[in-house]
Each structure stands twice: as C-alpha cells, then as structure tokens.
C-alpha cells in the first residue's frame, strides 16, 4: 500500500459536506479539518497495483465542492 496525503480546498461553505462525502466512501485512513490554505487533510492508502493519480481522480475528485487539491506522496516509513 502507498500512503498518500491529500489536502483539499473546498468551495465556501462546503467543507462539512465534502468531509461527509469522503467519509461515506470509506476510502480514507484518516480525515481532518484543518486551518490555513486548505480545509481538509485526507490520509489514503492506495493499493500498490493502482495508479495514484487515477485512484484519486476516480475515488475523490468527483466530490461536489472540492475546489483544489494538493497531493503529497510518501516513500518510506521508519
């Protein structure tokens, strides 16, 4: 499994709806509301045989209210 963090900027007044939609899909390991430039932080474990970009596009980015994302890939756990 590949661990990926996705920061999500939501359209105004949609952060709770976006978070609920993510939670209902059960694709995340952890989901947090954050302050600053982005509204939500999602930790995902993506199967090694899946393309990271396609997985995120197919499972996350079609949620209504998402304005922008920033994905951080991880490479090794110590």
PDB file of N, CA and C in Angstrom:
ATOM      1  N   UNK A   1       0.846  -1.186   0.000  1.00  0.00           N
ATOM      2  CA  UNK A   1       0.000   0.000   0.000  1.00  0.00           C
ATOM      3  C   UNK A   1       0.884   1.240   0.000  1.00  0.00           C
ATOM      4  N   UNK A   2       0.481   2.219  -0.788  1.00  0.00           N
ATOM      5  CA  UNK A   2       1.160   3.511  -0.824  1.00  0.00           C
ATOM      6  C   UNK A   2       0.378   4.501   0.019  1.00  0.00           C
ATOM      7  N   UNK A   3       1.081   5.160   0.943  1.00  0.00           N
ATOM      8  CA  UNK A   3       0.442   6.170   1.783  1.00  0.00           C
ATOM      9  C   UNK A   3       0.532   7.520   1.083  1.00  0.00           C
ATOM     10  N   UNK A   4      -0.614   8.177   0.958  1.00  0.00           N
ATOM     11  CA  UNK A   4      -0.713   9.458   0.273  1.00  0.00           C
ATOM     12  C   UNK A   4      -1.538  10.405   1.143  1.00  0.00           C
ATOM     13  N   UNK A   5      -1.101  11.662   1.215  1.00  0.00           N
ATOM     14  CA  UNK A   5      -1.860  12.695   1.907  1.00  0.00           C
ATOM     15  C   UNK A   5      -2.420  13.653   0.865  1.00  0.00           C
ATOM     16  N   UNK A   6      -3.695  13.987   0.989  1.00  0.00           N
ATOM     17  CA  UNK A   6      -4.323  14.917   0.062  1.00  0.00           C
ATOM     18  C   UNK A   6      -4.918  16.064   0.877  1.00  0.00           C
ATOM     19  N   UNK A   7      -4.439  17.273   0.597  1.00  0.00           N
ATOM     20  CA  UNK A   7      -5.027  18.465   1.194  1.00  0.00           C
ATOM     21  C   UNK A   7      -6.099  18.966   0.228  1.00  0.00           C
ATOM     22  N   UNK A   8      -7.229  19.359   0.789  1.00  0.00           N
ATOM     23  CA  UNK A   8      -8.372  19.748  -0.039  1.00  0.00           C
ATOM     24  C   UNK A   8      -8.834  21.144   0.325  1.00  0.00           C
ATOM     25  N   UNK A   9      -8.941  21.997  -0.690  1.00  0.00           N
ATOM     26  CA  UNK A   9      -9.576  23.307  -0.524  1.00  0.00           C
ATOM     27  C   UNK A   9     -10.994  23.168  -1.058  1.00  0.00           C
ATOM     28  N   UNK A  10     -11.946  23.541  -0.227  1.00  0.00           N
ATOM     29  CA  UNK A  10     -13.356  23.420  -0.592  1.00  0.00           C
ATOM     30  C   UNK A  10     -13.914  24.773  -1.011  1.00  0.00           C
ATOM     31  N   UNK A  11     -14.946  24.727  -1.823  1.00  0.00           N
ATOM     32  CA  UNK A  11     -15.681  25.948  -2.136  1.00  0.00           C
ATOM     33  C   UNK A  11     -16.287  26.465  -0.833  1.00  0.00           C
ATOM     34  N   UNK A  12     -16.500  27.772  -0.720  1.00  0.00           N
ATOM     35  CA  UNK A  12     -17.032  28.329   0.528  1.00  0.00           C
ATOM     36  C   UNK A  12     -18.295  27.595   1.008  1.00  0.00           C
ATOM     37  N   UNK A  13     -18.316  27.338   2.303  1.00  0.00           N
ATOM     38  CA  UNK A  13     -19.454  26.726   2.995  1.00  0.00           C
ATOM     39  C   UNK A  13     -19.736  25.282   2.592  1.00  0.00           C
ATOM     40  N   UNK A  14     -18.730  24.566   2.050  1.00  0.00           N
ATOM     41  CA  UNK A  14     -18.958  23.175   1.646  1.00  0.00           C
ATOM     42  C   UNK A  14     -18.063  22.170   2.365  1.00  0.00           C
ATOM     43  N   UNK A  15     -17.190  22.623   3.243  1.00  0.00           N
ATOM     44  CA  UNK A  15     -16.209  21.722   3.861  1.00  0.00           C
ATOM     45  C   UNK A  15     -16.866  20.553   4.590  1.00  0.00           C
ATOM     46  N   UNK A  16     -17.931  20.812   5.346  1.00  0.00           N
ATOM     47  CA  UNK A  16     -18.592  19.720   6.069  1.00  0.00           C
ATOM     48  C   UNK A  16     -19.251  18.735   5.112  1.00  0.00           C
ATOM     49  N   UNK A  17     -19.828  19.223   4.045  1.00  0.00           N
ATOM     50  CA  UNK A  17     -20.451  18.337   3.055  1.00  0.00           C
ATOM     51  C   UNK A  17     -19.398  17.495   2.343  1.00  0.00           C
ATOM     52  N   UNK A  18     -18.268  18.108   2.009  1.00  0.00           N
ATOM     53  CA  UNK A  18     -17.184  17.375   1.360  1.00  0.00           C
ATOM     54  C   UNK A  18     -16.638  16.307   2.309  1.00  0.00           C
ATOM     55  N   UNK A  19     -16.409  16.666   3.561  1.00  0.00           N
ATOM     56  CA  UNK A  19     -15.900  15.707   4.549  1.00  0.00           C
ATOM     57  C   UNK A  19     -16.868  14.533   4.717  1.00  0.00           C
ATOM     58  N   UNK A  20     -18.157  14.827   4.765  1.00  0.00           N
ATOM     59  CA  UNK A  20     -19.157  13.762   4.901  1.00  0.00           C
ATOM     60  C   UNK A  20     -19.142  12.838   3.684  1.00  0.00           C
ATOM     61  N   UNK A  21     -19.020  13.408   2.502  1.00  0.00           N
ATOM     62  CA  UNK A  21     -18.976  12.599   1.273  1.00  0.00           C
ATOM     63  C   UNK A  21     -17.749  11.692   1.261  1.00  0.00           C
ATOM     64  N   UNK A  22     -16.611  12.214   1.712  1.00  0.00           N
ATOM     65  CA  UNK A  22     -15.390  11.397   1.785  1.00  0.00           C
ATOM     66  C   UNK A  22     -15.591  10.264   2.784  1.00  0.00           C
ATOM     67  N   UNK A  23     -16.121  10.595   3.954  1.00  0.00           N
ATOM     68  CA  UNK A  23     -16.335   9.584   4.992  1.00  0.00           C
ATOM     69  C   UNK A  23     -17.261   8.465   4.505  1.00  0.00           C
ATOM     70  N   UNK A  24     -18.303   8.819   3.777  1.00  0.00           N
ATOM     71  CA  UNK A  24     -19.254   7.821   3.284  1.00  0.00           C
ATOM     72  C   UNK A  24     -18.637   6.874   2.261  1.00  0.00           C
ATOM     73  N   UNK A  25     -17.615   7.332   1.554  1.00  0.00           N
ATOM     74  CA  UNK A  25     -16.954   6.474   0.554  1.00  0.00           C
ATOM     75  C   UNK A  25     -16.011   5.459   1.184  1.00  0.00           C
ATOM     76  N   UNK A  26     -15.638   5.683   2.439  1.00  0.00           N
ATOM     77  CA  UNK A  26     -14.765   4.770   3.179  1.00  0.00           C
ATOM     78  C   UNK A  26     -13.465   4.464   2.438  1.00  0.00           C
ATOM     79  N   UNK A  27     -12.862   5.490   1.861  1.00  0.00           N
ATOM     80  CA  UNK A  27     -11.595   5.308   1.143  1.00  0.00           C
ATOM     81  C   UNK A  27     -10.411   5.829   1.947  1.00  0.00           C
ATOM     82  N   UNK A  28     -10.676   6.503   3.053  1.00  0.00           N
ATOM     83  CA  UNK A  28      -9.625   7.166   3.809  1.00  0.00           C
ATOM     84  C   UNK A  28      -9.205   6.366   5.035  1.00  0.00           C
ATOM     85  N   UNK A  29      -7.981   6.630   5.468  1.00  0.00           N
ATOM     86  CA  UNK A  29      -7.498   6.103   6.731  1.00  0.00           C
ATOM     87  C   UNK A  29      -7.779   7.107   7.843  1.00  0.00           C
ATOM     88  N   UNK A  30      -7.511   8.379   7.527  1.00  0.00           N
ATOM     89  CA  UNK A  30      -7.757   9.470   8.470  1.00  0.00           C
ATOM     90  C   UNK A  30      -8.262  10.677   7.692  1.00  0.00           C
ATOM     91  N   UNK A  31      -9.091  11.491   8.354  1.00  0.00           N
ATOM     92  CA  UNK A  31      -9.669  12.678   7.735  1.00  0.00           C
ATOM     93  C   UNK A  31      -9.740  13.773   8.788  1.00  0.00           C
ATOM     94  N   UNK A  32      -9.138  14.927   8.482  1.00  0.00           N
ATOM     95  CA  UNK A  32      -9.080  16.025   9.437  1.00  0.00           C
ATOM     96  C   UNK A  32      -9.553  17.323   8.801  1.00  0.00           C
ATOM     97  N   UNK A  33     -10.175  18.154   9.605  1.00  0.00           N
ATOM     98  CA  UNK A  33     -10.442  19.539   9.241  1.00  0.00           C
ATOM     99  C   UNK A  33      -9.203  20.328   9.631  1.00  0.00           C
ATOM    100  N   UNK A  34      -8.767  21.243   8.769  1.00  0.00           N
ATOM    101  CA  UNK A  34      -7.530  21.976   9.035  1.00  0.00           C
ATOM    102  C   UNK A  34      -7.747  23.483   8.865  1.00  0.00           C
ATOM    103  N   UNK A  35      -6.817  24.237   9.403  1.00  0.00           N
ATOM    104  CA  UNK A  35      -6.839  25.687   9.208  1.00  0.00           C
ATOM    105  C   UNK A  35      -5.801  26.040   8.154  1.00  0.00           C
ATOM    106  N   UNK A  36      -5.905  27.237   7.616  1.00  0.00           N
ATOM    107  CA  UNK A  36      -4.933  27.675   6.628  1.00  0.00           C
ATOM    108  C   UNK A  36      -5.474  27.645   5.224  1.00  0.00           C
ATOM    109  N   UNK A  37      -4.583  27.414   4.283  1.00  0.00           N
ATOM    110  CA  UNK A  37      -4.932  27.482   2.864  1.00  0.00           C
ATOM    111  C   UNK A  37      -5.876  26.364   2.424  1.00  0.00           C
ATOM    112  N   UNK A  38      -5.813  25.218   3.088  1.00  0.00           N
ATOM    113  CA  UNK A  38      -6.666  24.080   2.755  1.00  0.00           C
ATOM    114  C   UNK A  38      -7.605  23.783   3.915  1.00  0.00           C
ATOM    115  N   UNK A  39      -8.742  23.185   3.608  1.00  0.00           N
ATOM    116  CA  UNK A  39      -9.788  22.938   4.604  1.00  0.00           C
ATOM    117  C   UNK A  39      -9.759  21.546   5.202  1.00  0.00           C
ATOM    118  N   UNK A  40      -9.326  20.568   4.425  1.00  0.00           N
ATOM    119  CA  UNK A  40      -9.334  19.174   4.873  1.00  0.00           C
ATOM    120  C   UNK A  40      -8.003  18.513   4.549  1.00  0.00           C
ATOM    121  N   UNK A  41      -7.655  17.515   5.356  1.00  0.00           N
ATOM    122  CA  UNK A  41      -6.476  16.687   5.113  1.00  0.00           C
ATOM    123  C   UNK A  41      -6.919  15.237   5.175  1.00  0.00           C
ATOM    124  N   UNK A  42      -6.654  14.500   4.096  1.00  0.00           N
ATOM    125  CA  UNK A  42      -7.064  13.105   3.992  1.00  0.00           C
ATOM    126  C   UNK A  42      -5.822  12.231   3.857  1.00  0.00           C
ATOM    127  N   UNK A  43      -5.773  11.182   4.652  1.00  0.00           N
ATOM    128  CA  UNK A  43      -4.705  10.185   4.532  1.00  0.00           C
ATOM    129  C   UNK A  43      -5.311   8.959   3.863  1.00  0.00           C
ATOM    130  N   UNK A  44      -4.725   8.567   2.745  1.00  0.00           N
ATOM    131  CA  UNK A  44      -5.207   7.424   1.965  1.00  0.00           C
ATOM    132  C   UNK A  44      -4.119   6.367   1.858  1.00  0.00           C
ATOM    133  N   UNK A  45      -4.524   5.116   1.844  1.00  0.00           N
ATOM    134  CA  UNK A  45      -3.625   4.026   1.494  1.00  0.00           C
ATOM    135  C   UNK A  45      -4.099   3.472   0.164  1.00  0.00           C
ATOM    136  N   UNK A  46      -3.254   3.614  -0.840  1.00  0.00           N
ATOM    137  CA  UNK A  46      -3.617   3.209  -2.200  1.00  0.00           C
ATOM    138  C   UNK A  46      -2.919   1.886  -2.511  1.00  0.00           C
ATOM    139  N   UNK A  47      -3.655   0.885  -2.990  1.00  0.00           N
ATOM    140  CA  UNK A  47      -3.037  -0.398  -3.326  1.00  0.00           C
ATOM    141  C   UNK A  47      -1.875  -0.213  -4.305  1.00  0.00           C
ATOM    142  N   UNK A  48      -0.819  -0.996  -4.102  1.00  0.00           N
ATOM    143  CA  UNK A  48       0.386  -0.868  -4.927  1.00  0.00           C
ATOM    144  C   UNK A  48       0.122  -1.081  -6.410  1.00  0.00           C
ATOM    145  N   UNK A  49      -0.896  -1.863  -6.740  1.00  0.00           N
ATOM    146  CA  UNK A  49      -1.177  -2.140  -8.149  1.00  0.00           C
ATOM    147  C   UNK A  49      -2.039  -1.062  -8.809  1.00  0.00           C
ATOM    148  N   UNK A  50      -2.401  -0.022  -8.076  1.00  0.00           N
ATOM    149  CA  UNK A  50      -3.226   1.064  -8.605  1.00  0.00           C
ATOM    150  C   UNK A  50      -2.375   2.290  -8.896  1.00  0.00           C
ATOM    151  N   UNK A  51      -2.698   3.001  -9.968  1.00  0.00           N
ATOM    152  CA  UNK A  51      -2.062   4.268 -10.291  1.00  0.00           C
ATOM    153  C   UNK A  51      -2.596   5.335  -9.328  1.00  0.00           C
ATOM    154  N   UNK A  52      -1.691   6.043  -8.665  1.00  0.00           N
ATOM    155  CA  UNK A  52      -2.090   7.022  -7.646  1.00  0.00           C
ATOM    156  C   UNK A  52      -3.011   8.092  -8.225  1.00  0.00           C
ATOM    157  N   UNK A  53      -2.639   8.659  -9.349  1.00  0.00           N
ATOM    158  CA  UNK A  53      -3.443   9.719  -9.956  1.00  0.00           C
ATOM    159  C   UNK A  53      -4.832   9.260 -10.342  1.00  0.00           C
ATOM    160  N   UNK A  54      -4.918   8.097 -10.975  1.00  0.00           N
ATOM    161  CA  UNK A  54      -6.227   7.566 -11.372  1.00  0.00           C
ATOM    162  C   UNK A  54      -7.078   7.225 -10.156  1.00  0.00           C
ATOM    163  N   UNK A  55      -6.452   6.661  -9.131  1.00  0.00           N
ATOM    164  CA  UNK A  55      -7.189   6.307  -7.918  1.00  0.00           C
ATOM    165  C   UNK A  55      -7.804   7.552  -7.274  1.00  0.00           C
ATOM    166  N   UNK A  56      -7.007   8.609  -7.160  1.00  0.00           N
ATOM    167  CA  UNK A  56      -7.511   9.850  -6.567  1.00  0.00           C
ATOM    168  C   UNK A  56      -8.593  10.457  -7.454  1.00  0.00           C
ATOM    169  N   UNK A  57      -8.360  10.496  -8.751  1.00  0.00           N
ATOM    170  CA  UNK A  57      -9.386  11.029  -9.671  1.00  0.00           C
ATOM    171  C   UNK A  57     -10.686  10.244  -9.583  1.00  0.00           C
ATOM    172  N   UNK A  58     -10.593   8.932  -9.584  1.00  0.00           N
ATOM    173  CA  UNK A  58     -11.784   8.085  -9.619  1.00  0.00           C
ATOM    174  C   UNK A  58     -12.534   8.021  -8.288  1.00  0.00           C
ATOM    175  N   UNK A  59     -11.827   8.217  -7.174  1.00  0.00           N
ATOM    176  CA  UNK A  59     -12.436   7.996  -5.864  1.00  0.00           C
ATOM    177  C   UNK A  59     -12.626   9.238  -5.012  1.00  0.00           C
ATOM    178  N   UNK A  60     -12.024  10.357  -5.418  1.00  0.00           N
ATOM    179  CA  UNK A  60     -12.070  11.533  -4.557  1.00  0.00           C
ATOM    180  C   UNK A  60     -12.480  12.813  -5.291  1.00  0.00           C
ATOM    181  N   UNK A  61     -11.891  13.051  -6.432  1.00  0.00           N
ATOM    182  CA  UNK A  61     -12.014  14.367  -7.062  1.00  0.00           C
ATOM    183  C   UNK A  61     -13.356  14.651  -7.732  1.00  0.00           C
ATOM    184  N   UNK A  62     -14.234  13.669  -7.782  1.00  0.00           N
ATOM    185  CA  UNK A  62     -15.559  13.928  -8.342  1.00  0.00           C
ATOM    186  C   UNK A  62     -16.562  14.391  -7.284  1.00  0.00           C
ATOM    187  N   UNK A  63     -16.092  14.608  -6.064  1.00  0.00           N
ATOM    188  CA  UNK A  63     -16.974  15.054  -4.992  1.00  0.00           C
ATOM    189  C   UNK A  63     -17.294  16.539  -5.179  1.00  0.00           C
ATOM    190  N   UNK A  64     -18.571  16.854  -5.160  1.00  0.00           N
ATOM    191  CA  UNK A  64     -19.042  18.239  -5.315  1.00  0.00           C
ATOM    192  C   UNK A  64     -18.519  19.098  -4.173  1.00  0.00           C
ATOM    193  N   UNK A  65     -17.957  20.250  -4.509  1.00  0.00           N
ATOM    194  CA  UNK A  65     -17.473  21.197  -3.512  1.00  0.00           C
ATOM    195  C   UNK A  65     -15.964  21.266  -3.403  1.00  0.00           C
ATOM    196  N   UNK A  66     -15.269  20.311  -4.013  1.00  0.00           N
ATOM    197  CA  UNK A  66     -13.809  20.369  -3.998  1.00  0.00           C
ATOM    198  C   UNK A  66     -13.355  21.387  -5.032  1.00  0.00           C
ATOM    199  N   UNK A  67     -12.566  22.345  -4.578  1.00  0.00           N
ATOM    200  CA  UNK A  67     -12.079  23.410  -5.455  1.00  0.00           C
ATOM    201  C   UNK A  67     -10.652  23.141  -5.936  1.00  0.00           C
ATOM    202  N   UNK A  68      -9.808  22.627  -5.038  1.00  0.00           N
ATOM    203  CA  UNK A  68      -8.395  22.410  -5.362  1.00  0.00           C
ATOM    204  C   UNK A  68      -7.821  21.374  -4.410  1.00  0.00           C
ATOM    205  N   UNK A  69      -6.808  20.634  -4.880  1.00  0.00           N
ATOM    206  CA  UNK A  69      -6.143  19.668  -4.009  1.00  0.00           C
ATOM    207  C   UNK A  69      -4.633  19.785  -4.137  1.00  0.00           C
ATOM    208  N   UNK A  70      -3.957  19.293  -3.127  1.00  0.00           N
ATOM    209  CA  UNK A  70      -2.501  19.182  -3.133  1.00  0.00           C
ATOM    210  C   UNK A  70      -2.179  17.798  -2.594  1.00  0.00           C
ATOM    211  N   UNK A  71      -1.559  16.955  -3.422  1.00  0.00           N
ATOM    212  CA  UNK A  71      -1.259  15.579  -3.049  1.00  0.00           C
ATOM    213  C   UNK A  71       0.216  15.449  -2.698  1.00  0.00           C
ATOM    214  N   UNK A  72       0.467  14.790  -1.574  1.00  0.00           N
ATOM    215  CA  UNK A  72       1.831  14.519  -1.128  1.00  0.00           C
ATOM    216  C   UNK A  72       2.016  13.011  -1.071  1.00  0.00           C
ATOM    217  N   UNK A  73       2.977  12.517  -1.849  1.00  0.00           N
ATOM    218  CA  UNK A  73       3.300  11.096  -1.851  1.00  0.00           C
ATOM    219  C   UNK A  73       4.311  10.810  -0.757  1.00  0.00           C
ATOM    220  N   UNK A  74       4.233   9.630  -0.159  1.00  0.00           N
ATOM    221  CA  UNK A  74       5.248   9.220   0.810  1.00  0.00           C
ATOM    222  C   UNK A  74       6.037   8.082   0.200  1.00  0.00           C
ATOM    223  N   UNK A  75       7.271   7.924   0.647  1.00  0.00           N
ATOM    224  CA  UNK A  75       8.153   6.926   0.036  1.00  0.00           C
ATOM    225  C   UNK A  75       8.640   5.844   0.982  1.00  0.00           C
ATOM    226  N   UNK A  76       8.766   6.180   2.270  1.00  0.00           N
ATOM    227  CA  UNK A  76       9.310   5.192   3.193  1.00  0.00           C
ATOM    228  C   UNK A  76       8.877   5.527   4.617  1.00  0.00           C
ATOM    229  N   UNK A  77       8.560   4.489   5.380  1.00  0.00           N
ATOM    230  CA  UNK A  77       8.208   4.670   6.778  1.00  0.00           C
ATOM    231  C   UNK A  77       9.347   4.129   7.625  1.00  0.00           C
ATOM    232  N   UNK A  78       9.730   4.902   8.625  1.00  0.00           N
ATOM    233  CA  UNK A  78      10.820   4.472   9.513  1.00  0.00           C
ATOM    234  C   UNK A  78      10.280   3.919  10.799  1.00  0.00           C
TER     235      UNK A  78
END
